[in-house]
Amino acid sequence: MKLLWYKSSYSSNEGGECVEIAWRKSSYSGNEGGECVEVAETTAAVLVRDSEDPSGPHLTFDPAAWQSFLTYAATATV
């Protein structure tokens, strides 16, 4: 799995405090386009965005809520 690192726009090249997050692309995302998501996890939040629009809006989840979603999704039947 390839991680994509993005440095905060508030970071400078002169040192100091910097923030970086790593986005992971869904293993269900193919190379043919379609609906793809990327997820970035921090200790305080889980971020989800459209991999085809990385500068667009994103959703923010509490880590416990995200874990509940993952548990539900793993057991849900279609």
PDB file of N, CA and C in Angstrom:
ATOM      1  N   MET A   1       0.843  -1.166   0.000  1.00  0.00           N
ATOM      2  CA  MET A   1       0.000   0.000   0.000  1.00  0.00           C
ATOM      3  C   MET A   1       0.894   1.237   0.000  1.00  0.00           C
ATOM      4  N   LYS A   2       0.666   2.133  -0.930  1.00  0.00           N
ATOM      5  CA  LYS A   2       1.460   3.340  -1.048  1.00  0.00           C
ATOM      6  C   LYS A   2       0.800   4.468  -0.250  1.00  0.00           C
ATOM      7  N   LEU A   3       1.589   5.130   0.606  1.00  0.00           N
ATOM      8  CA  LEU A   3       1.098   6.272   1.354  1.00  0.00           C
ATOM      9  C   LEU A   3       1.468   7.545   0.622  1.00  0.00           C
ATOM     10  N   LEU A   4       0.544   8.480   0.540  1.00  0.00           N
ATOM     11  CA  LEU A   4       0.791   9.777  -0.071  1.00  0.00           C
ATOM     12  C   LEU A   4       0.879  10.803   1.040  1.00  0.00           C
ATOM     13  N   TRP A   5       2.042  11.424   1.209  1.00  0.00           N
ATOM     14  CA  TRP A   5       2.257  12.396   2.286  1.00  0.00           C
ATOM     15  C   TRP A   5       2.004  13.805   1.787  1.00  0.00           C
ATOM     16  N   TYR A   6       1.301  14.582   2.581  1.00  0.00           N
ATOM     17  CA  TYR A   6       1.016  15.970   2.259  1.00  0.00           C
ATOM     18  C   TYR A   6       1.405  16.844   3.440  1.00  0.00           C
ATOM     19  N   LYS A   7       2.223  17.856   3.185  1.00  0.00           N
ATOM     20  CA  LYS A   7       2.641  18.783   4.229  1.00  0.00           C
ATOM     21  C   LYS A   7       1.607  19.893   4.355  1.00  0.00           C
ATOM     22  N   SER A   8       1.377  20.329   5.562  1.00  0.00           N
ATOM     23  CA  SER A   8       0.436  21.406   5.829  1.00  0.00           C
ATOM     24  C   SER A   8       0.856  22.677   5.097  1.00  0.00           C
ATOM     25  N   SER A   9      -0.109  23.426   4.588  1.00  0.00           N
ATOM     26  CA  SER A   9       0.192  24.690   3.925  1.00  0.00           C
ATOM     27  C   SER A   9       0.699  25.729   4.922  1.00  0.00           C
ATOM     28  N   TYR A  10       0.566  25.461   6.225  1.00  0.00           N
ATOM     29  CA  TYR A  10       1.062  26.371   7.252  1.00  0.00           C
ATOM     30  C   TYR A  10       2.522  26.102   7.596  1.00  0.00           C
ATOM     31  N   SER A  11       3.109  25.045   7.035  1.00  0.00           N
ATOM     32  CA  SER A  11       4.503  24.706   7.289  1.00  0.00           C
ATOM     33  C   SER A  11       5.406  25.560   6.402  1.00  0.00           C
ATOM     34  N   SER A  12       6.579  25.883   6.930  1.00  0.00           N
ATOM     35  CA  SER A  12       7.548  26.638   6.130  1.00  0.00           C
ATOM     36  C   SER A  12       8.793  25.793   5.937  1.00  0.00           C
ATOM     37  N   ASN A  13       9.682  26.242   5.089  1.00  0.00           N
ATOM     38  CA  ASN A  13      10.939  25.543   4.855  1.00  0.00           C
ATOM     39  C   ASN A  13      12.011  25.955   5.856  1.00  0.00           C
ATOM     40  N   GLU A  14      11.671  26.788   6.821  1.00  0.00           N
ATOM     41  CA  GLU A  14      12.637  27.295   7.790  1.00  0.00           C
ATOM     42  C   GLU A  14      12.576  26.540   9.114  1.00  0.00           C
ATOM     43  N   GLY A  15      12.017  25.359   9.118  1.00  0.00           N
ATOM     44  CA  GLY A  15      11.909  24.585  10.356  1.00  0.00           C
ATOM     45  C   GLY A  15      10.655  24.958  11.116  1.00  0.00           C
ATOM     46  N   GLY A  16      10.619  24.630  12.359  1.00  0.00           N
ATOM     47  CA  GLY A  16       9.432  24.914  13.155  1.00  0.00           C
ATOM     48  C   GLY A  16       8.467  23.754  13.120  1.00  0.00           C
ATOM     49  N   GLU A  17       7.278  24.001  13.563  1.00  0.00           N
ATOM     50  CA  GLU A  17       6.282  22.950  13.654  1.00  0.00           C
ATOM     51  C   GLU A  17       5.623  22.692  12.302  1.00  0.00           C
ATOM     52  N   CYS A  18       5.656  21.463  11.886  1.00  0.00           N
ATOM     53  CA  CYS A  18       5.049  21.050  10.617  1.00  0.00           C
ATOM     54  C   CYS A  18       4.062  19.925  10.888  1.00  0.00           C
ATOM     55  N   VAL A  19       3.055  19.859  10.073  1.00  0.00           N
ATOM     56  CA  VAL A  19       2.075  18.786  10.173  1.00  0.00           C
ATOM     57  C   VAL A  19       2.004  18.091   8.824  1.00  0.00           C
ATOM     58  N   GLU A  20       2.105  16.779   8.837  1.00  0.00           N
ATOM     59  CA  GLU A  20       1.947  15.999   7.617  1.00  0.00           C
ATOM     60  C   GLU A  20       0.974  14.869   7.906  1.00  0.00           C
ATOM     61  N   ILE A  21       0.174  14.527   6.911  1.00  0.00           N
ATOM     62  CA  ILE A  21      -0.708  13.374   7.039  1.00  0.00           C
ATOM     63  C   ILE A  21      -0.497  12.475   5.833  1.00  0.00           C
ATOM     64  N   ALA A  22      -0.738  11.212   6.022  1.00  0.00           N
ATOM     65  CA  ALA A  22      -0.582  10.240   4.936  1.00  0.00           C
ATOM     66  C   ALA A  22      -1.956   9.743   4.511  1.00  0.00           C
ATOM     67  N   TRP A  23      -2.244   9.833   3.238  1.00  0.00           N
ATOM     68  CA  TRP A  23      -3.498   9.338   2.675  1.00  0.00           C
ATOM     69  C   TRP A  23      -3.270   7.949   2.095  1.00  0.00           C
ATOM     70  N   ARG A  24      -4.175   7.025   2.412  1.00  0.00           N
ATOM     71  CA  ARG A  24      -4.141   5.671   1.858  1.00  0.00           C
ATOM     72  C   ARG A  24      -5.310   5.517   0.906  1.00  0.00           C
ATOM     73  N   LYS A  25      -5.039   5.005  -0.291  1.00  0.00           N
ATOM     74  CA  LYS A  25      -6.114   4.779  -1.268  1.00  0.00           C
ATOM     75  C   LYS A  25      -6.768   3.435  -0.986  1.00  0.00           C
ATOM     76  N   SER A  26      -8.074   3.386  -1.131  1.00  0.00           N
ATOM     77  CA  SER A  26      -8.825   2.154  -0.936  1.00  0.00           C
ATOM     78  C   SER A  26      -8.291   1.052  -1.838  1.00  0.00           C
ATOM     79  N   SER A  27      -8.211  -0.163  -1.303  1.00  0.00           N
ATOM     80  CA  SER A  27      -7.780  -1.304  -2.119  1.00  0.00           C
ATOM     81  C   SER A  27      -8.815  -1.638  -3.188  1.00  0.00           C
ATOM     82  N   TYR A  28     -10.019  -1.109  -3.072  1.00  0.00           N
ATOM     83  CA  TYR A  28     -11.063  -1.334  -4.069  1.00  0.00           C
ATOM     84  C   TYR A  28     -10.996  -0.308  -5.194  1.00  0.00           C
ATOM     85  N   SER A  29     -10.110   0.676  -5.073  1.00  0.00           N
ATOM     86  CA  SER A  29      -9.958   1.687  -6.114  1.00  0.00           C
ATOM     87  C   SER A  29      -9.144   1.099  -7.258  1.00  0.00           C
ATOM     88  N   GLY A  30      -9.698   1.114  -8.429  1.00  0.00           N
ATOM     89  CA  GLY A  30      -9.002   0.562  -9.585  1.00  0.00           C
ATOM     90  C   GLY A  30      -8.355   1.644 -10.419  1.00  0.00           C
ATOM     91  N   ASN A  31      -7.673   1.245 -11.442  1.00  0.00           N
ATOM     92  CA  ASN A  31      -7.041   2.192 -12.349  1.00  0.00           C
ATOM     93  C   ASN A  31      -7.994   2.661 -13.442  1.00  0.00           C
ATOM     94  N   GLU A  32      -9.198   2.112 -13.484  1.00  0.00           N
ATOM     95  CA  GLU A  32     -10.152   2.451 -14.528  1.00  0.00           C
ATOM     96  C   GLU A  32     -10.995   3.665 -14.172  1.00  0.00           C
ATOM     97  N   GLY A  33     -10.698   4.329 -13.054  1.00  0.00           N
ATOM     98  CA  GLY A  33     -11.530   5.447 -12.625  1.00  0.00           C
ATOM     99  C   GLY A  33     -12.657   4.948 -11.748  1.00  0.00           C
ATOM    100  N   GLY A  34     -13.719   5.684 -11.663  1.00  0.00           N
ATOM    101  CA  GLY A  34     -14.846   5.266 -10.847  1.00  0.00           C
ATOM    102  C   GLY A  34     -14.792   5.888  -9.470  1.00  0.00           C
ATOM    103  N   GLU A  35     -15.515   5.300  -8.558  1.00  0.00           N
ATOM    104  CA  GLU A  35     -15.628   5.839  -7.211  1.00  0.00           C
ATOM    105  C   GLU A  35     -14.465   5.365  -6.356  1.00  0.00           C
ATOM    106  N   CYS A  36     -13.570   6.268  -6.000  1.00  0.00           N
ATOM    107  CA  CYS A  36     -12.377   5.934  -5.228  1.00  0.00           C
ATOM    108  C   CYS A  36     -12.290   6.841  -4.009  1.00  0.00           C
ATOM    109  N   VAL A  37     -11.843   6.274  -2.915  1.00  0.00           N
ATOM    110  CA  VAL A  37     -11.671   7.074  -1.715  1.00  0.00           C
ATOM    111  C   VAL A  37     -10.265   6.895  -1.160  1.00  0.00           C
ATOM    112  N   GLU A  38      -9.813   7.915  -0.419  1.00  0.00           N
ATOM    113  CA  GLU A  38      -8.560   7.859   0.322  1.00  0.00           C
ATOM    114  C   GLU A  38      -8.877   8.183   1.768  1.00  0.00           C
ATOM    115  N   VAL A  39      -8.115   7.570   2.676  1.00  0.00           N
ATOM    116  CA  VAL A  39      -8.327   7.744   4.107  1.00  0.00           C
ATOM    117  C   VAL A  39      -7.015   8.163   4.753  1.00  0.00           C
ATOM    118  N   ALA A  40      -7.082   9.123   5.674  1.00  0.00           N
ATOM    119  CA  ALA A  40      -5.927   9.528   6.477  1.00  0.00           C
ATOM    120  C   ALA A  40      -6.350   9.465   7.939  1.00  0.00           C
ATOM    121  N   GLU A  41      -5.526   8.833   8.761  1.00  0.00           N
ATOM    122  CA  GLU A  41      -5.857   8.679  10.179  1.00  0.00           C
ATOM    123  C   GLU A  41      -4.873   9.451  11.042  1.00  0.00           C
ATOM    124  N   THR A  42      -5.409  10.163  12.021  1.00  0.00           N
ATOM    125  CA  THR A  42      -4.606  10.801  13.058  1.00  0.00           C
ATOM    126  C   THR A  42      -5.133  10.282  14.391  1.00  0.00           C
ATOM    127  N   THR A  43      -4.516  10.681  15.483  1.00  0.00           N
ATOM    128  CA  THR A  43      -5.016  10.243  16.786  1.00  0.00           C
ATOM    129  C   THR A  43      -6.357  10.883  17.118  1.00  0.00           C
ATOM    130  N   ALA A  44      -6.652  12.017  16.517  1.00  0.00           N
ATOM    131  CA  ALA A  44      -7.877  12.742  16.846  1.00  0.00           C
ATOM    132  C   ALA A  44      -9.009  12.562  15.841  1.00  0.00           C
ATOM    133  N   ALA A  45      -8.685  12.155  14.607  1.00  0.00           N
ATOM    134  CA  ALA A  45      -9.723  12.098  13.577  1.00  0.00           C
ATOM    135  C   ALA A  45      -9.320  11.162  12.455  1.00  0.00           C
ATOM    136  N   VAL A  46     -10.334  10.740  11.693  1.00  0.00           N
ATOM    137  CA  VAL A  46     -10.133   9.971  10.467  1.00  0.00           C
ATOM    138  C   VAL A  46     -10.740  10.812   9.352  1.00  0.00           C
ATOM    139  N   LEU A  47      -9.946  11.080   8.315  1.00  0.00           N
ATOM    140  CA  LEU A  47     -10.381  11.911   7.203  1.00  0.00           C
ATOM    141  C   LEU A  47     -10.615  11.026   5.986  1.00  0.00           C
ATOM    142  N   VAL A  48     -11.669  11.318   5.231  1.00  0.00           N
ATOM    143  CA  VAL A  48     -12.007  10.557   4.028  1.00  0.00           C
ATOM    144  C   VAL A  48     -12.248  11.562   2.915  1.00  0.00           C
ATOM    145  N   ARG A  49     -11.647  11.289   1.728  1.00  0.00           N
ATOM    146  CA  ARG A  49     -11.818  12.197   0.588  1.00  0.00           C
ATOM    147  C   ARG A  49     -11.905  11.409  -0.714  1.00  0.00           C
ATOM    148  N   ASP A  50     -12.350  12.078  -1.756  1.00  0.00           N
ATOM    149  CA  ASP A  50     -12.413  11.534  -3.109  1.00  0.00           C
ATOM    150  C   ASP A  50     -11.001  11.557  -3.684  1.00  0.00           C
ATOM    151  N   SER A  51     -10.464  10.399  -4.060  1.00  0.00           N
ATOM    152  CA  SER A  51      -9.092  10.352  -4.563  1.00  0.00           C
ATOM    153  C   SER A  51      -8.941  11.064  -5.901  1.00  0.00           C
ATOM    154  N   GLU A  52     -10.029  11.268  -6.615  1.00  0.00           N
ATOM    155  CA  GLU A  52      -9.958  11.963  -7.897  1.00  0.00           C
ATOM    156  C   GLU A  52     -10.087  13.474  -7.732  1.00  0.00           C
ATOM    157  N   ASP A  53     -10.345  13.941  -6.503  1.00  0.00           N
ATOM    158  CA  ASP A  53     -10.448  15.376  -6.207  1.00  0.00           C
ATOM    159  C   ASP A  53      -9.764  15.644  -4.868  1.00  0.00           C
ATOM    160  N   PRO A  54      -8.433  15.423  -4.783  1.00  0.00           N
ATOM    161  CA  PRO A  54      -7.750  15.517  -3.496  1.00  0.00           C
ATOM    162  C   PRO A  54      -7.787  16.895  -2.838  1.00  0.00           C
ATOM    163  N   SER A  55      -7.976  17.946  -3.608  1.00  0.00           N
ATOM    164  CA  SER A  55      -8.050  19.271  -2.993  1.00  0.00           C
ATOM    165  C   SER A  55      -9.485  19.663  -2.663  1.00  0.00           C
ATOM    166  N   GLY A  56     -10.417  18.776  -2.960  1.00  0.00           N
ATOM    167  CA  GLY A  56     -11.830  19.043  -2.689  1.00  0.00           C
ATOM    168  C   GLY A  56     -12.186  18.795  -1.230  1.00  0.00           C
ATOM    169  N   PRO A  57     -13.468  18.776  -0.916  1.00  0.00           N
ATOM    170  CA  PRO A  57     -13.910  18.584   0.467  1.00  0.00           C
ATOM    171  C   PRO A  57     -13.589  17.182   0.967  1.00  0.00           C
ATOM    172  N   HIS A  58     -13.578  17.055   2.283  1.00  0.00           N
ATOM    173  CA  HIS A  58     -13.364  15.743   2.901  1.00  0.00           C
ATOM    174  C   HIS A  58     -14.309  15.592   4.082  1.00  0.00           C
ATOM    175  N   LEU A  59     -14.527  14.351   4.486  1.00  0.00           N
ATOM    176  CA  LEU A  59     -15.341  14.055   5.667  1.00  0.00           C
ATOM    177  C   LEU A  59     -14.408  13.803   6.838  1.00  0.00           C
ATOM    178  N   THR A  60     -14.835  14.176   8.032  1.00  0.00           N
ATOM    179  CA  THR A  60     -14.050  13.951   9.244  1.00  0.00           C
ATOM    180  C   THR A  60     -14.870  13.118  10.213  1.00  0.00           C
ATOM    181  N   PHE A  61     -14.264  12.037  10.714  1.00  0.00           N
ATOM    182  CA  PHE A  61     -14.935  11.142  11.651  1.00  0.00           C
ATOM    183  C   PHE A  61     -14.132  11.022  12.933  1.00  0.00           C
ATOM    184  N   ASP A  62     -14.823  10.843  14.027  1.00  0.00           N
ATOM    185  CA  ASP A  62     -14.195  10.473  15.288  1.00  0.00           C
ATOM    186  C   ASP A  62     -13.654   9.055  15.107  1.00  0.00           C
ATOM    187  N   PRO A  63     -12.456   8.732  15.629  1.00  0.00           N
ATOM    188  CA  PRO A  63     -11.909   7.380  15.435  1.00  0.00           C
ATOM    189  C   PRO A  63     -12.848   6.255  15.885  1.00  0.00           C
ATOM    190  N   ALA A  64     -13.577   6.453  16.976  1.00  0.00           N
ATOM    191  CA  ALA A  64     -14.503   5.416  17.444  1.00  0.00           C
ATOM    192  C   ALA A  64     -15.659   5.236  16.456  1.00  0.00           C
ATOM    193  N   ALA A  65     -16.158   6.330  15.902  1.00  0.00           N
ATOM    194  CA  ALA A  65     -17.237   6.244  14.916  1.00  0.00           C
ATOM    195  C   ALA A  65     -16.740   5.557  13.645  1.00  0.00           C
ATOM    196  N   TRP A  66     -15.519   5.844  13.237  1.00  0.00           N
ATOM    197  CA  TRP A  66     -14.950   5.199  12.049  1.00  0.00           C
ATOM    198  C   TRP A  66     -14.807   3.693  12.271  1.00  0.00           C
ATOM    199  N   GLN A  67     -14.339   3.304  13.456  1.00  0.00           N
ATOM    200  CA  GLN A  67     -14.197   1.886  13.759  1.00  0.00           C
ATOM    201  C   GLN A  67     -15.551   1.188  13.747  1.00  0.00           C
ATOM    202  N   SER A  68     -16.574   1.852  14.275  1.00  0.00           N
ATOM    203  CA  SER A  68     -17.928   1.286  14.230  1.00  0.00           C
ATOM    204  C   SER A  68     -18.396   1.097  12.791  1.00  0.00           C
ATOM    205  N   PHE A  69     -18.124   2.083  11.938  1.00  0.00           N
ATOM    206  CA  PHE A  69     -18.478   1.962  10.522  1.00  0.00           C
ATOM    207  C   PHE A  69     -17.762   0.784   9.880  1.00  0.00           C
ATOM    208  N   LEU A  70     -16.455   0.642  10.122  1.00  0.00           N
ATOM    209  CA  LEU A  70     -15.693  -0.460   9.538  1.00  0.00           C
ATOM    210  C   LEU A  70     -16.223  -1.815  10.000  1.00  0.00           C
ATOM    211  N   THR A  71     -16.567  -1.924  11.273  1.00  0.00           N
ATOM    212  CA  THR A  71     -17.117  -3.171  11.804  1.00  0.00           C
ATOM    213  C   THR A  71     -18.441  -3.494  11.128  1.00  0.00           C
ATOM    214  N   TYR A  72     -19.303  -2.486  10.998  1.00  0.00           N
ATOM    215  CA  TYR A  72     -20.587  -2.683  10.326  1.00  0.00           C
ATOM    216  C   TYR A  72     -20.381  -3.071   8.869  1.00  0.00           C
ATOM    217  N   ALA A  73     -19.511  -2.351   8.159  1.00  0.00           N
ATOM    218  CA  ALA A  73     -19.293  -2.607   6.729  1.00  0.00           C
ATOM    219  C   ALA A  73     -18.744  -4.007   6.494  1.00  0.00           C
ATOM    220  N   ALA A  74     -17.922  -4.494   7.420  1.00  0.00           N
ATOM    221  CA  ALA A  74     -17.330  -5.828   7.255  1.00  0.00           C
ATOM    222  C   ALA A  74     -18.352  -6.942   7.437  1.00  0.00           C
ATOM    223  N   THR A  75     -19.435  -6.659   8.150  1.00  0.00           N
ATOM    224  CA  THR A  75     -20.427  -7.693   8.433  1.00  0.00           C
ATOM    225  C   THR A  75     -21.735  -7.510   7.680  1.00  0.00           C
ATOM    226  N   ALA A  76     -21.903  -6.370   7.006  1.00  0.00           N
ATOM    227  CA  ALA A  76     -23.154  -6.074   6.294  1.00  0.00           C
ATOM    228  C   ALA A  76     -23.293  -6.975   5.065  1.00  0.00           C
ATOM    229  N   THR A  77     -24.520  -7.348   4.789  1.00  0.00           N
ATOM    230  CA  THR A  77     -24.793  -8.134   3.581  1.00  0.00           C
ATOM    231  C   THR A  77     -25.530  -7.231   2.595  1.00  0.00           C
ATOM    232  N   VAL A  78     -25.276  -7.465   1.334  1.00  0.00           N
ATOM    233  CA  VAL A  78     -25.890  -6.638   0.296  1.00  0.00           C
ATOM    234  C   VAL A  78     -27.137  -7.315  -0.214  1.00  0.00           C
TER     235      VAL A  78
END
